[in-house]
Structure formats: C-alpha cells, structure tokens
C-alpha atoms as a PDB file:
ATOM      1  CA  MET A   1     -15.645 -31.297  26.235  1.00  0.00           C
ATOM      2  CA  GLY A   2     -17.473 -32.487  29.012  1.00  0.00           C
ATOM      3  CA  ARG A   3     -14.595 -35.504  29.763  1.00  0.00           C
ATOM      4  CA  GLY A   4     -12.071 -32.699  29.459  1.00  0.00           C
ATOM      5  CA  ASN A   5     -13.872 -30.648  31.964  1.00  0.00           C
ATOM      6  CA  ARG A   6     -14.330 -33.472  34.366  1.00  0.00           C
ATOM      7  CA  ARG A   7     -10.510 -34.132  34.373  1.00  0.00           C
ATOM      8  CA  VAL A   8      -9.662 -30.476  34.794  1.00  0.00           C
ATOM      9  CA  SER A   9     -12.011 -30.266  37.728  1.00  0.00           C
ATOM     10  CA  THR A  10     -10.624 -33.578  38.974  1.00  0.00           C
ATOM     11  CA  VAL A  11      -7.000 -32.442  38.995  1.00  0.00           C
ATOM     12  CA  ALA A  12      -7.945 -29.125  40.379  1.00  0.00           C
ATOM     13  CA  LEU A  13      -9.832 -30.808  43.543  1.00  0.00           C
ATOM     14  CA  ALA A  14      -7.083 -33.163  44.105  1.00  0.00           C
ATOM     15  CA  GLU A  15      -4.250 -30.253  44.116  1.00  0.00           C
ATOM     16  CA  THR A  16      -6.475 -28.610  46.601  1.00  0.00           C
ATOM     17  CA  ALA A  17      -6.683 -31.777  48.794  1.00  0.00           C
ATOM     18  CA  ASP A  18      -2.974 -32.194  48.544  1.00  0.00           C
ATOM     19  CA  SER A  19      -2.290 -28.503  49.657  1.00  0.00           C
ATOM     20  CA  GLN A  20      -4.982 -29.004  52.345  1.00  0.00           C
ATOM     21  CA  GLN A  21      -2.881 -31.873  53.885  1.00  0.00           C
ATOM     22  CA  ILE A  22       0.155 -30.051  54.256  1.00  0.00           C
ATOM     23  CA  PRO A  23       0.782 -28.782  57.640  1.00  0.00           C
ATOM     24  CA  PRO A  24       0.989 -25.182  58.287  1.00  0.00           C
ATOM     25  CA  ARG A  25       4.390 -25.496  59.600  1.00  0.00           C
ATOM     26  CA  ARG A  26       5.640 -27.051  56.653  1.00  0.00           C
ATOM     27  CA  ARG A  27       4.126 -24.056  54.516  1.00  0.00           C
ATOM     28  CA  THR A  28       5.799 -21.712  56.767  1.00  0.00           C
ATOM     29  CA  ARG A  29       9.340 -23.253  56.284  1.00  0.00           C
ATOM     30  CA  ALA A  30       8.966 -23.648  52.625  1.00  0.00           C
ATOM     31  CA  ALA A  31       8.299 -20.118  52.516  1.00  0.00           C
ATOM     32  CA  PHE A  32      10.926 -19.131  54.738  1.00  0.00           C
ATOM     33  CA  VAL A  33      13.484 -21.158  52.753  1.00  0.00           C
ATOM     34  CA  ALA A  34      12.161 -19.764  49.515  1.00  0.00           C
ATOM     35  CA  ALA A  35      12.450 -16.031  50.909  1.00  0.00           C
ATOM     36  CA  ALA A  36      15.955 -17.012  52.320  1.00  0.00           C
ATOM     37  CA  GLY A  37      17.544 -17.799  49.037  1.00  0.00           C
ATOM     38  CA  MET A  38      16.632 -14.207  47.986  1.00  0.00           C
ATOM     39  CA  VAL A  39      18.817 -12.764  50.595  1.00  0.00           C
ATOM     40  CA  PRO A  40      21.944 -13.011  49.028  1.00  0.00           C
ATOM     41  CA  PHE A  41      20.444 -11.462  45.845  1.00  0.00           C
ATOM     42  CA  GLY A  42      19.086  -8.648  48.036  1.00  0.00           C
ATOM     43  CA  VAL A  43      22.395  -7.729  49.847  1.00  0.00           C
ATOM     44  CA  TYR A  44      24.216  -7.952  46.616  1.00  0.00           C
ATOM     45  CA  THR A  45      21.542  -5.431  45.077  1.00  0.00           C
ATOM     46  CA  THR A  46      21.473  -3.159  47.768  1.00  0.00           C
ATOM     47  CA  LEU A  47      25.247  -2.798  48.354  1.00  0.00           C
ATOM     48  CA  PHE A  48      26.365  -2.399  44.640  1.00  0.00           C
ATOM     49  CA  LEU A  49      23.327  -1.083  43.179  1.00  0.00           C
ATOM     50  CA  GLY A  50      21.205   0.872  45.794  1.00  0.00           C
ATOM     51  CA  LEU A  51      23.421   2.299  48.092  1.00  0.00           C
ATOM     52  CA  PRO A  52      25.388   3.811  45.233  1.00  0.00           C
ATOM     53  CA  VAL A  53      22.304   5.391  43.445  1.00  0.00           C
ATOM     54  CA  VAL A  54      21.286   6.840  46.702  1.00  0.00           C
ATOM     55  CA  ALA A  55      24.693   8.386  47.355  1.00  0.00           C
ATOM     56  CA  VAL A  56      24.720   9.785  44.068  1.00  0.00           C
ATOM     57  CA  VAL A  57      21.435  11.155  43.989  1.00  0.00           C
ATOM     58  CA  VAL A  58      22.062  13.054  47.467  1.00  0.00           C
ATOM     59  CA  GLU A  59      25.471  14.289  46.109  1.00  0.00           C
ATOM     60  CA  ALA A  60      23.596  15.731  43.324  1.00  0.00           C
ATOM     61  CA  PHE A  61      21.729  18.013  44.940  1.00  0.00           C
ATOM     62  CA  ARG A  62      24.553  19.199  47.792  1.00  0.00           C
ATOM     63  CA  SER A  63      26.927  22.323  47.453  1.00  0.00           C
ATOM     64  CA  PRO A  64      30.762  22.001  48.074  1.00  0.00           C
ATOM     65  CA  THR A  65      29.764  23.494  51.456  1.00  0.00           C
ATOM     66  CA  GLY A  66      27.467  20.877  52.266  1.00  0.00           C
ATOM     67  CA  GLY A  67      24.125  22.550  51.567  1.00  0.00           C
ATOM     68  CA  TRP A  68      21.159  21.738  49.560  1.00  0.00           C
ATOM     69  CA  THR A  69      21.430  23.186  46.215  1.00  0.00           C
ATOM     70  CA  TRP A  70      19.518  23.028  42.632  1.00  0.00           C
ATOM     71  CA  GLN A  71      22.692  24.454  40.798  1.00  0.00           C
ATOM     72  CA  ASN A  72      24.086  20.973  40.059  1.00  0.00           C
ATOM     73  CA  ILE A  73      21.155  20.224  38.248  1.00  0.00           C
ATOM     74  CA  SER A  74      21.112  23.324  36.465  1.00  0.00           C
ATOM     75  CA  ILE A  75      24.607  22.989  35.105  1.00  0.00           C
ATOM     76  CA  ALA A  76      24.313  19.579  34.162  1.00  0.00           C
ATOM     77  CA  SER A  77      21.161  20.525  32.047  1.00  0.00           C
ATOM     78  CA  HIS A  78      22.445  23.383  30.292  1.00  0.00           C
ATOM     79  CA  GLY A  79      25.523  24.049  27.629  1.00  0.00           C
ATOM     80  CA  ILE A  80      27.984  21.567  26.734  1.00  0.00           C
ATOM     81  CA  TYR A  81      26.370  19.025  29.225  1.00  0.00           C
ATOM     82  CA  ALA A  82      22.871  18.814  27.766  1.00  0.00           C
ATOM     83  CA  HIS A  83      24.899  18.879  24.172  1.00  0.00           C
ATOM     84  CA  GLY A  84      26.467  15.684  25.614  1.00  0.00           C
ATOM     85  CA  PHE A  85      23.151  14.293  26.801  1.00  0.00           C
ATOM     86  CA  VAL A  86      21.873  14.886  23.321  1.00  0.00           C
ATOM     87  CA  MET A  87      24.966  13.283  21.514  1.00  0.00           C
ATOM     88  CA  THR A  88      24.533  10.337  24.182  1.00  0.00           C
ATOM     89  CA  ILE A  89      20.852   9.592  23.308  1.00  0.00           C
ATOM     90  CA  GLU A  90      21.390   9.842  19.445  1.00  0.00           C
ATOM     91  CA  LEU A  91      24.310   7.552  19.546  1.00  0.00           C
ATOM     92  CA  ALA A  92      22.343   5.182  21.816  1.00  0.00           C
ATOM     93  CA  LEU A  93      19.544   5.162  19.504  1.00  0.00           C
ATOM     94  CA  LEU A  94      21.532   4.845  16.549  1.00  0.00           C
ATOM     95  CA  THR A  95      23.635   1.912  17.977  1.00  0.00           C
ATOM     96  CA  SER A  96      20.384   0.073  18.957  1.00  0.00           C
ATOM     97  CA  ILE A  97      17.938   0.540  16.022  1.00  0.00           C
ATOM     98  CA  VAL A  98      20.409  -0.384  13.613  1.00  0.00           C
ATOM     99  CA  PRO A  99      22.150  -3.427  15.031  1.00  0.00           C
ATOM    100  CA  GLY A 100      18.545  -4.295  16.564  1.00  0.00           C
ATOM    101  CA  ILE A 101      17.218  -4.953  13.295  1.00  0.00           C
ATOM    102  CA  ALA A 102      20.496  -6.527  11.582  1.00  0.00           C
ATOM    103  CA  GLY A 103      20.421  -8.966  14.693  1.00  0.00           C
ATOM    104  CA  LEU A 104      16.955  -9.915  13.910  1.00  0.00           C
ATOM    105  CA  ILE A 105      17.894 -10.807  10.574  1.00  0.00           C
ATOM    106  CA  VAL A 106      20.737 -12.831  11.272  1.00  0.00           C
ATOM    107  CA  ALA A 107      18.879 -14.563  14.124  1.00  0.00           C
ATOM    108  CA  ASN A 108      16.251 -15.346  12.020  1.00  0.00           C
ATOM    109  CA  ALA A 109      18.536 -16.730   9.419  1.00  0.00           C
ATOM    110  CA  VAL A 110      20.252 -18.961  11.530  1.00  0.00           C
ATOM    111  CA  LEU A 111      17.208 -20.208  13.134  1.00  0.00           C
ATOM    112  CA  THR A 112      15.273 -20.924   9.521  1.00  0.00           C
ATOM    113  CA  SER A 113      18.685 -22.481   8.383  1.00  0.00           C
ATOM    114  CA  ARG A 114      17.958 -25.302  10.823  1.00  0.00           C
ATOM    115  CA  GLY A 115      21.648 -26.193  11.165  1.00  0.00           C
ATOM    116  CA  ARG A 116      22.711 -27.393  14.613  1.00  0.00           C
ATOM    117  CA  ILE A 117      26.275 -26.598  14.347  1.00  0.00           C
ATOM    118  CA  LEU A 118      25.553 -23.292  12.692  1.00  0.00           C
ATOM    119  CA  ARG A 119      23.420 -22.411  15.738  1.00  0.00           C
ATOM    120  CA  ARG A 120      25.983 -23.394  18.041  1.00  0.00           C
ATOM    121  CA  VAL A 121      28.779 -21.605  16.442  1.00  0.00           C
ATOM    122  CA  VAL A 122      26.538 -18.403  16.140  1.00  0.00           C
ATOM    123  CA  SER A 123      25.652 -18.580  19.918  1.00  0.00           C
ATOM    124  CA  THR A 124      28.938 -19.186  20.988  1.00  0.00           C
ATOM    125  CA  ALA A 125      30.492 -16.381  18.897  1.00  0.00           C
ATOM    126  CA  SER A 126      27.524 -13.888  19.739  1.00  0.00           C
ATOM    127  CA  GLY A 127      28.184 -14.481  23.391  1.00  0.00           C
ATOM    128  CA  VAL A 128      31.786 -13.833  22.973  1.00  0.00           C
ATOM    129  CA  PHE A 129      31.625 -10.931  20.835  1.00  0.00           C
ATOM    130  CA  ALA A 130      28.751  -9.206  22.978  1.00  0.00           C
ATOM    131  CA  GLN A 131      31.181  -9.181  26.051  1.00  0.00           C
ATOM    132  CA  PHE A 132      34.265  -7.849  23.981  1.00  0.00           C
ATOM    133  CA  GLY A 133      34.538  -4.062  24.383  1.00  0.00           C
ATOM    134  CA  GLY A 134      36.279  -1.282  26.022  1.00  0.00           C
ATOM    135  CA  VAL A 135      40.086  -0.509  25.488  1.00  0.00           C
ATOM    136  CA  PRO A 136      40.831  -3.915  23.657  1.00  0.00           C
ATOM    137  CA  LEU A 137      38.055  -3.266  21.300  1.00  0.00           C
ATOM    138  CA  ALA A 138      39.059   0.465  20.571  1.00  0.00           C
ATOM    139  CA  PHE A 139      42.750  -0.887  20.084  1.00  0.00           C
ATOM    140  CA  LEU A 140      41.225  -3.845  17.552  1.00  0.00           C
ATOM    141  CA  PHE A 141      39.690  -0.802  15.472  1.00  0.00           C
ATOM    142  CA  ILE A 142      42.502   1.499  15.510  1.00  0.00           C
ATOM    143  CA  ALA A 143      44.741  -1.533  14.523  1.00  0.00           C
ATOM    144  CA  THR A 144      42.364  -2.239  11.746  1.00  0.00           C
ATOM    145  CA  LEU A 145      40.312   0.842  10.463  1.00  0.00           C
ATOM    146  CA  GLY A 146      42.553   3.584  11.740  1.00  0.00           C
ATOM    147  CA  SER A 147      44.535   6.016   9.711  1.00  0.00           C
ATOM    148  CA  SER A 148      47.608   3.739   9.753  1.00  0.00           C
ATOM    149  CA  GLY A 149      45.448   0.595  10.251  1.00  0.00           C
ATOM    150  CA  LEU A 150      46.018  -2.965   8.541  1.00  0.00           C
ATOM    151  CA  VAL A 151      42.964  -2.626   6.523  1.00  0.00           C
ATOM    152  CA  THR A 152      43.290   0.977   5.811  1.00  0.00           C
ATOM    153  CA  GLY A 153      46.797   0.126   4.209  1.00  0.00           C
ATOM    154  CA  TRP A 154      45.498  -2.407   2.179  1.00  0.00           C
ATOM    155  CA  MET A 155      42.927  -0.171   0.488  1.00  0.00           C
ATOM    156  CA  LYS A 156      45.682   2.711   0.285  1.00  0.00           C
ATOM    157  CA  ALA A 157      47.480   0.077  -2.039  1.00  0.00           C
ATOM    158  CA  LEU A 158      44.475  -0.554  -3.957  1.00  0.00           C
ATOM    159  CA  GLY A 159      44.448   3.188  -4.745  1.00  0.00           C
ATOM    160  CA  PHE A 160      41.518   4.174  -2.400  1.00  0.00           C
ATOM    161  CA  ASN A 161      41.996   5.854   0.825  1.00  0.00           C
ATOM    162  CA  PRO A 162      38.858   5.723   3.008  1.00  0.00           C
ATOM    163  CA  TYR A 163      39.798   9.053   5.342  1.00  0.00           C
ATOM    164  CA  ASP A 164      40.073  11.125   1.626  1.00  0.00           C
ATOM    165  CA  HIS A 165      36.468  10.088   0.963  1.00  0.00           C
ATOM    166  CA  GLY A 166      34.898  11.255   4.403  1.00  0.00           C
ATOM    167  CA  PHE A 167      35.281   8.366   6.420  1.00  0.00           C
ATOM    168  CA  ASP A 168      36.933   8.845   9.815  1.00  0.00           C
ATOM    169  CA  LEU A 169      36.907   6.089  12.827  1.00  0.00           C
ATOM    170  CA  TYR A 170      37.539   9.108  15.163  1.00  0.00           C
ATOM    171  CA  THR A 171      34.016  10.643  15.111  1.00  0.00           C
ATOM    172  CA  PHE A 172      30.630   9.765  15.987  1.00  0.00           C
ATOM    173  CA  PHE A 173      30.069   7.723  13.141  1.00  0.00           C
ATOM    174  CA  GLY A 174      33.209   5.846  13.738  1.00  0.00           C
ATOM    175  CA  VAL A 175      32.105   5.188  17.313  1.00  0.00           C
ATOM    176  CA  ALA A 176      28.798   3.832  16.006  1.00  0.00           C
ATOM    177  CA  ILE A 177      30.358   1.375  13.655  1.00  0.00           C
ATOM    178  CA  VAL A 178      32.529   0.113  16.949  1.00  0.00           C
ATOM    179  CA  TYR A 179      29.477  -0.058  18.987  1.00  0.00           C
ATOM    180  CA  THR A 180      27.619  -2.123  16.252  1.00  0.00           C
ATOM    181  CA  TYR A 181      30.696  -5.023  16.806  1.00  0.00           C
ATOM    182  CA  PHE A 182      29.205  -5.802  20.018  1.00  0.00           C
ATOM    183  CA  GLN A 183      25.483  -4.394  19.970  1.00  0.00           C
ATOM    184  CA  LEU A 184      24.632  -6.717  16.972  1.00  0.00           C
ATOM    185  CA  PRO A 185      25.563 -10.298  18.361  1.00  0.00           C
ATOM    186  CA  LEU A 186      23.806  -8.828  21.817  1.00  0.00           C
ATOM    187  CA  MET A 187      20.511  -8.531  19.778  1.00  0.00           C
ATOM    188  CA  VAL A 188      21.339 -12.200  18.577  1.00  0.00           C
ATOM    189  CA  LEU A 189      21.391 -13.604  21.975  1.00  0.00           C
ATOM    190  CA  ILE A 190      18.244 -11.466  23.163  1.00  0.00           C
ATOM    191  CA  ILE A 191      16.017 -11.956  20.017  1.00  0.00           C
ATOM    192  CA  THR A 192      16.674 -15.687  19.575  1.00  0.00           C
ATOM    193  CA  PRO A 193      14.508 -17.107  22.339  1.00  0.00           C
ATOM    194  CA  ALA A 194      11.823 -15.126  20.969  1.00  0.00           C
ATOM    195  CA  LEU A 195      12.121 -16.441  17.570  1.00  0.00           C
ATOM    196  CA  GLU A 196      12.125 -19.854  19.106  1.00  0.00           C
ATOM    197  CA  GLY A 197       8.871 -19.072  20.594  1.00  0.00           C
ATOM    198  CA  LEU A 198       6.851 -18.687  17.381  1.00  0.00           C
ATOM    199  CA  ARG A 199       5.136 -21.851  17.370  1.00  0.00           C
ATOM    200  CA  PRO A 200       5.375 -23.599  13.905  1.00  0.00           C
ATOM    201  CA  ALA A 201       1.588 -24.298  14.186  1.00  0.00           C
ATOM    202  CA  TRP A 202       1.011 -20.674  13.289  1.00  0.00           C
ATOM    203  CA  ARG A 203       2.809 -20.554  10.173  1.00  0.00           C
ATOM    204  CA  GLU A 204       1.305 -23.902   9.181  1.00  0.00           C
ATOM    205  CA  ALA A 205      -2.208 -22.805   9.772  1.00  0.00           C
ATOM    206  CA  ALA A 206      -1.373 -19.520   8.010  1.00  0.00           C
ATOM    207  CA  SER A 207      -0.131 -21.251   5.001  1.00  0.00           C
ATOM    208  CA  GLY A 208      -3.235 -23.541   4.900  1.00  0.00           C
ATOM    209  CA  LEU A 209      -5.607 -20.369   4.498  1.00  0.00           C
ATOM    210  CA  GLY A 210      -3.529 -19.114   2.103  1.00  0.00           C
ATOM    211  CA  ALA A 211      -1.192 -16.666   3.406  1.00  0.00           C
ATOM    212  CA  ARG A 212       2.089 -15.976   1.692  1.00  0.00           C
ATOM    213  CA  SER A 213       5.319 -15.642   3.691  1.00  0.00           C
ATOM    214  CA  TRP A 214       5.132 -11.613   4.185  1.00  0.00           C
ATOM    215  CA  GLU A 215       1.356 -11.910   4.929  1.00  0.00           C
ATOM    216  CA  TYR A 216       2.270 -14.368   7.728  1.00  0.00           C
ATOM    217  CA  TRP A 217       4.966 -11.876   9.239  1.00  0.00           C
ATOM    218  CA  ARG A 218       2.903  -9.062   9.079  1.00  0.00           C
ATOM    219  CA  TYR A 219      -0.510 -10.389  10.556  1.00  0.00           C
ATOM    220  CA  VAL A 220       0.952 -13.235  12.741  1.00  0.00           C
ATOM    221  CA  GLY A 221       4.467 -13.511  13.376  1.00  0.00           C
ATOM    222  CA  GLY A 222       5.439  -9.834  13.372  1.00  0.00           C
ATOM    223  CA  PRO A 223       2.600  -8.712  16.003  1.00  0.00           C
ATOM    224  CA  VAL A 224       3.494 -11.482  18.353  1.00  0.00           C
ATOM    225  CA  LEU A 225       7.719 -10.349  17.917  1.00  0.00           C
ATOM    226  CA  PHE A 226       7.298  -6.724  18.013  1.00  0.00           C
ATOM    227  CA  PRO A 227       7.275  -6.513  21.679  1.00  0.00           C
ATOM    228  CA  SER A 228      10.260  -8.830  22.098  1.00  0.00           C
ATOM    229  CA  PHE A 229      11.918  -6.962  19.461  1.00  0.00           C
ATOM    230  CA  LEU A 230      11.396  -3.349  21.046  1.00  0.00           C
ATOM    231  CA  GLY A 231      12.603  -4.811  24.428  1.00  0.00           C
ATOM    232  CA  GLY A 232      15.531  -6.101  22.906  1.00  0.00           C
ATOM    233  CA  VAL A 233      16.314  -2.541  21.088  1.00  0.00           C
ATOM    234  CA  LEU A 234      15.768  -0.790  24.934  1.00  0.00           C
ATOM    235  CA  LEU A 235      18.422  -2.917  26.098  1.00  0.00           C
ATOM    236  CA  LEU A 236      20.890  -2.159  23.549  1.00  0.00           C
ATOM    237  CA  PHE A 237      19.703   1.461  24.232  1.00  0.00           C
ATOM    238  CA  GLY A 238      20.658   1.267  27.822  1.00  0.00           C
ATOM    239  CA  SER A 239      23.783  -0.750  26.922  1.00  0.00           C
ATOM    240  CA  ALA A 240      25.209   1.853  24.657  1.00  0.00           C
ATOM    241  CA  LEU A 241      23.870   4.712  26.585  1.00  0.00           C
ATOM    242  CA  SER A 242      26.329   3.581  29.520  1.00  0.00           C
ATOM    243  CA  ALA A 243      29.509   2.380  27.440  1.00  0.00           C
ATOM    244  CA  TYR A 244      32.506   4.468  28.218  1.00  0.00           C
ATOM    245  CA  ALA A 245      35.877   2.815  28.001  1.00  0.00           C
ATOM    246  CA  THR A 246      35.617   2.169  24.339  1.00  0.00           C
ATOM    247  CA  ALA A 247      34.521   5.578  23.239  1.00  0.00           C
ATOM    248  CA  GLU A 248      37.063   7.096  25.688  1.00  0.00           C
ATOM    249  CA  ALA A 249      39.907   5.283  24.225  1.00  0.00           C
ATOM    250  CA  LEU A 250      38.747   5.908  20.758  1.00  0.00           C
ATOM    251  CA  THR A 251      38.027   9.609  20.814  1.00  0.00           C
ATOM    252  CA  SER A 252      40.107  10.711  23.783  1.00  0.00           C
ATOM    253  CA  GLY A 253      37.249  12.532  24.682  1.00  0.00           C
ATOM    254  CA  SER A 254      36.589  14.634  21.918  1.00  0.00           C
ATOM    255  CA  ILE A 255      33.022  13.511  21.428  1.00  0.00           C
ATOM    256  CA  PRO A 256      30.822  15.147  24.172  1.00  0.00           C
ATOM    257  CA  LEU A 257      29.446  11.819  25.542  1.00  0.00           C
ATOM    258  CA  THR A 258      27.919  12.169  29.121  1.00  0.00           C
ATOM    259  CA  ALA A 259      29.835   8.808  29.944  1.00  0.00           C
ATOM    260  CA  ILE A 260      33.129  10.739  29.258  1.00  0.00           C
ATOM    261  CA  GLN A 261      32.122  13.816  31.112  1.00  0.00           C
ATOM    262  CA  ILE A 262      31.299  11.913  34.121  1.00  0.00           C
ATOM    263  CA  GLY A 263      34.494  10.255  33.858  1.00  0.00           C
ATOM    264  CA  SER A 264      36.309  13.619  33.566  1.00  0.00           C
ATOM    265  CA  PHE A 265      34.647  14.595  36.693  1.00  0.00           C
ATOM    266  CA  LEU A 266      35.874  11.686  38.379  1.00  0.00           C
ATOM    267  CA  ASN A 267      39.468  12.083  37.196  1.00  0.00           C
ATOM    268  CA  GLY A 268      39.352  15.557  39.058  1.00  0.00           C
ATOM    269  CA  ASN A 269      38.901  17.734  36.237  1.00  0.00           C
ATOM    270  CA  VAL A 270      36.767  19.891  37.554  1.00  0.00           C
ATOM    271  CA  ILE A 271      35.748  23.617  37.960  1.00  0.00           C
ATOM    272  CA  ALA A 272      36.065  25.347  41.478  1.00  0.00           C
ATOM    273  CA  GLY A 273      32.444  24.784  42.873  1.00  0.00           C
ATOM    274  CA  GLU A 274      31.292  22.411  40.684  1.00  0.00           C
ATOM    275  CA  GLN A 275      32.682  19.107  42.002  1.00  0.00           C
ATOM    276  CA  ASN A 276      29.087  17.566  42.320  1.00  0.00           C
ATOM    277  CA  VAL A 277      27.905  18.216  38.875  1.00  0.00           C
ATOM    278  CA  GLY A 278      29.094  14.944  37.616  1.00  0.00           C
ATOM    279  CA  LYS A 279      26.747  13.263  40.187  1.00  0.00           C
ATOM    280  CA  ALA A 280      24.157  15.568  38.676  1.00  0.00           C
ATOM    281  CA  LEU A 281      24.961  14.033  35.144  1.00  0.00           C
ATOM    282  CA  GLY A 282      24.851  10.599  36.603  1.00  0.00           C
ATOM    283  CA  VAL A 283      21.377  11.188  38.040  1.00  0.00           C
ATOM    284  CA  GLY A 284      20.443  12.040  34.396  1.00  0.00           C
ATOM    285  CA  LEU A 285      21.906   8.938  33.060  1.00  0.00           C
ATOM    286  CA  ILE A 286      20.110   6.968  35.882  1.00  0.00           C
ATOM    287  CA  LEU A 287      16.725   8.433  34.843  1.00  0.00           C
ATOM    288  CA  VAL A 288      16.996   7.768  31.219  1.00  0.00           C
ATOM    289  CA  ILE A 289      17.916   4.012  31.574  1.00  0.00           C
ATOM    290  CA  ALA A 290      15.368   3.794  34.457  1.00  0.00           C
ATOM    291  CA  VAL A 291      12.631   4.732  31.997  1.00  0.00           C
ATOM    292  CA  ALA A 292      13.970   2.684  29.323  1.00  0.00           C
ATOM    293  CA  MET A 293      13.767  -0.177  31.641  1.00  0.00           C
ATOM    294  CA  VAL A 294      10.359   0.312  32.562  1.00  0.00           C
ATOM    295  CA  PHE A 295       9.038   0.214  29.356  1.00  0.00           C
ATOM    296  CA  TYR A 296      11.217  -2.742  28.454  1.00  0.00           C
ATOM    297  CA  SER A 297       9.486  -4.696  31.672  1.00  0.00           C
ATOM    298  CA  ILE A 298       5.946  -3.387  30.355  1.00  0.00           C
ATOM    299  CA  LEU A 299       7.045  -5.039  26.793  1.00  0.00           C
ATOM    300  CA  GLN A 300       8.048  -8.187  28.231  1.00  0.00           C
ATOM    301  CA  LYS A 301       5.003  -9.122  30.170  1.00  0.00           C
ATOM    302  CA  ARG A 302       2.864  -8.336  27.029  1.00  0.00           C
ATOM    303  CA  ALA A 303       5.347 -10.851  24.800  1.00  0.00           C
ATOM    304  CA  SER A 304       5.203 -13.399  27.622  1.00  0.00           C
ATOM    305  CA  ARG A 305       1.614 -13.731  26.964  1.00  0.00           C
ATOM    306  CA  TRP A 306       2.048 -15.582  23.484  1.00  0.00           C
ATOM    307  CA  LEU A 307       5.675 -16.661  24.147  1.00  0.00           C
ATOM    308  CA  GLN A 308       5.339 -19.479  26.519  1.00  0.00           C
END
C-alpha cells in the first residue's frame, strides 16, 4: 500500500510539474483549438434544431391574425388531438418495452455464444434493419402480411386465414408489429456495449461465493445493467414517438397518431382559424421527448459509474 501511494503521488507530482511548464499562450491556444472544433456542431445544431424548435414554439402561441393566444394549445389538448397523444404514447410504450426486453435477450445470447462471426453478422444486420423504415418498410409488410400478402396467401392455402381470427395489419397492433421490425435491432445496438461492460471478474467472484446464474443477474448484473436498459428503452420510446412515414403509409391516417395529425396540418388539411394547431401538437411532442431525454441522460450518468 505504501509503495502504491508513493507511485500515485509521484505520477501526480510529475503531471503537475509538466502542466506548470506549459506556457500560458499554449494553454490558451489549445483551449481555442478545442473550442473551435465544436463550432461546426454548434452551427449545425442551432440551424437545424434550435431555430426550428423556437419557431414552432412561437407559432404555437400565435393566432391567424398574428396576436398571442392560448387557443391553439387548448385545442391541441382536447378531443381527437388529446386522443392522438394517448394513442401515440401507448404505441411508443408498447414498441419500446417489448422490443427492449427482446433486444436485451438477443444481445445477451449473441455475446454469450462467443462466436465472432455471429457477433459481426448480428451487429451488421442490426445496423441495417434499425435504419430501414418509412414507406419501404410499410410496403414490405403489406406485401408480406397484408390481406393479399404472400405469407397470408400461403397460410390461406393451408386452411388458416389470420384475418378471420382477429389479425389485422392495418390496426394499432399491426403498426406495433411493424415498429418492432426496426426497434428490436436498435435495442441490440444500444444494449450491446453495456453488456460488454459487465466485467467477467464479477461473475467469477459471484460463482466463487456460491451464487447461481439467476442470483448473479439479480444481485450483480441486473442492478448494474438496469440503468442502461432503461436508457435504451427511453431511446426506443423517442424513436417510436416521432415515427411518421411508416404508420401513415400503412394505415392512411386511420389511426389518430399525433405525428400523422401534424402531417395532416402540414398538407393543408386544416380548419379555418386552426392553422397553428399543428405547431401546438409539435410542442407537445417536443415536451414529451425532452422529458424522456432528460431521464435518459440521468440514467446514462448512473450507468457510466459502473461500466467504465
């Protein structure tokens, strides 16, 4: 212990001496270069995120005549628009929790298999599937599981028609199935680094103390991994909350999701005097996603304490 403390103190003193030898001008120049590297990102964020958000918030409180009003927020929080928020949040919760759990199981199975080729294949496939969405994904499922789809035709030939037994691709649960296609691989990509951060020494120590596999996950692996898992679920929640093109192409707006309602306003399908209600709906989505991202950052900070 004494030798270790001496080494640590020696290294600390050496680093302090080196830092004191650096001229102030070099320090200022290095700090300036580091700050200059953030300028492109700051400009990009300001132009394509900050200014649009400010514009949407301001217009949400503007009347068609240009005055300030609370009416847009009031309309957006009642009736069909309030129902749209409820449906959107329910869909986002369903398509974040279920794919989140499934993605965790798949990622853990791949890592414990210790097959390099399998890990590469799953990682590459997850990256591709997680980015596949929109109209092409909707067309893929319509051509496969639609009422006249290929797989549906095969099942009919076998004497079983899923549409006669309650299945319908163009309903709430049908959209949830389609969302799972890109949500599950996204969770695999998110949770894999956290699983890799679990140190083998922890499992070996637990086994040495007589702990079984489920006891290790309950008392060691689970508590350490839980913040990362919740953070991944929150990212899936935000992804599902803002998805638009897939649900629109699949249902043609028959499901009152908030993103589809906003798209309807942008396409000009508005009632006179309610031109800015779409902006108010956008403010609602921004608030929900902002709250989710705040919790995500808190969970990431907690998880980083262990997974380093």
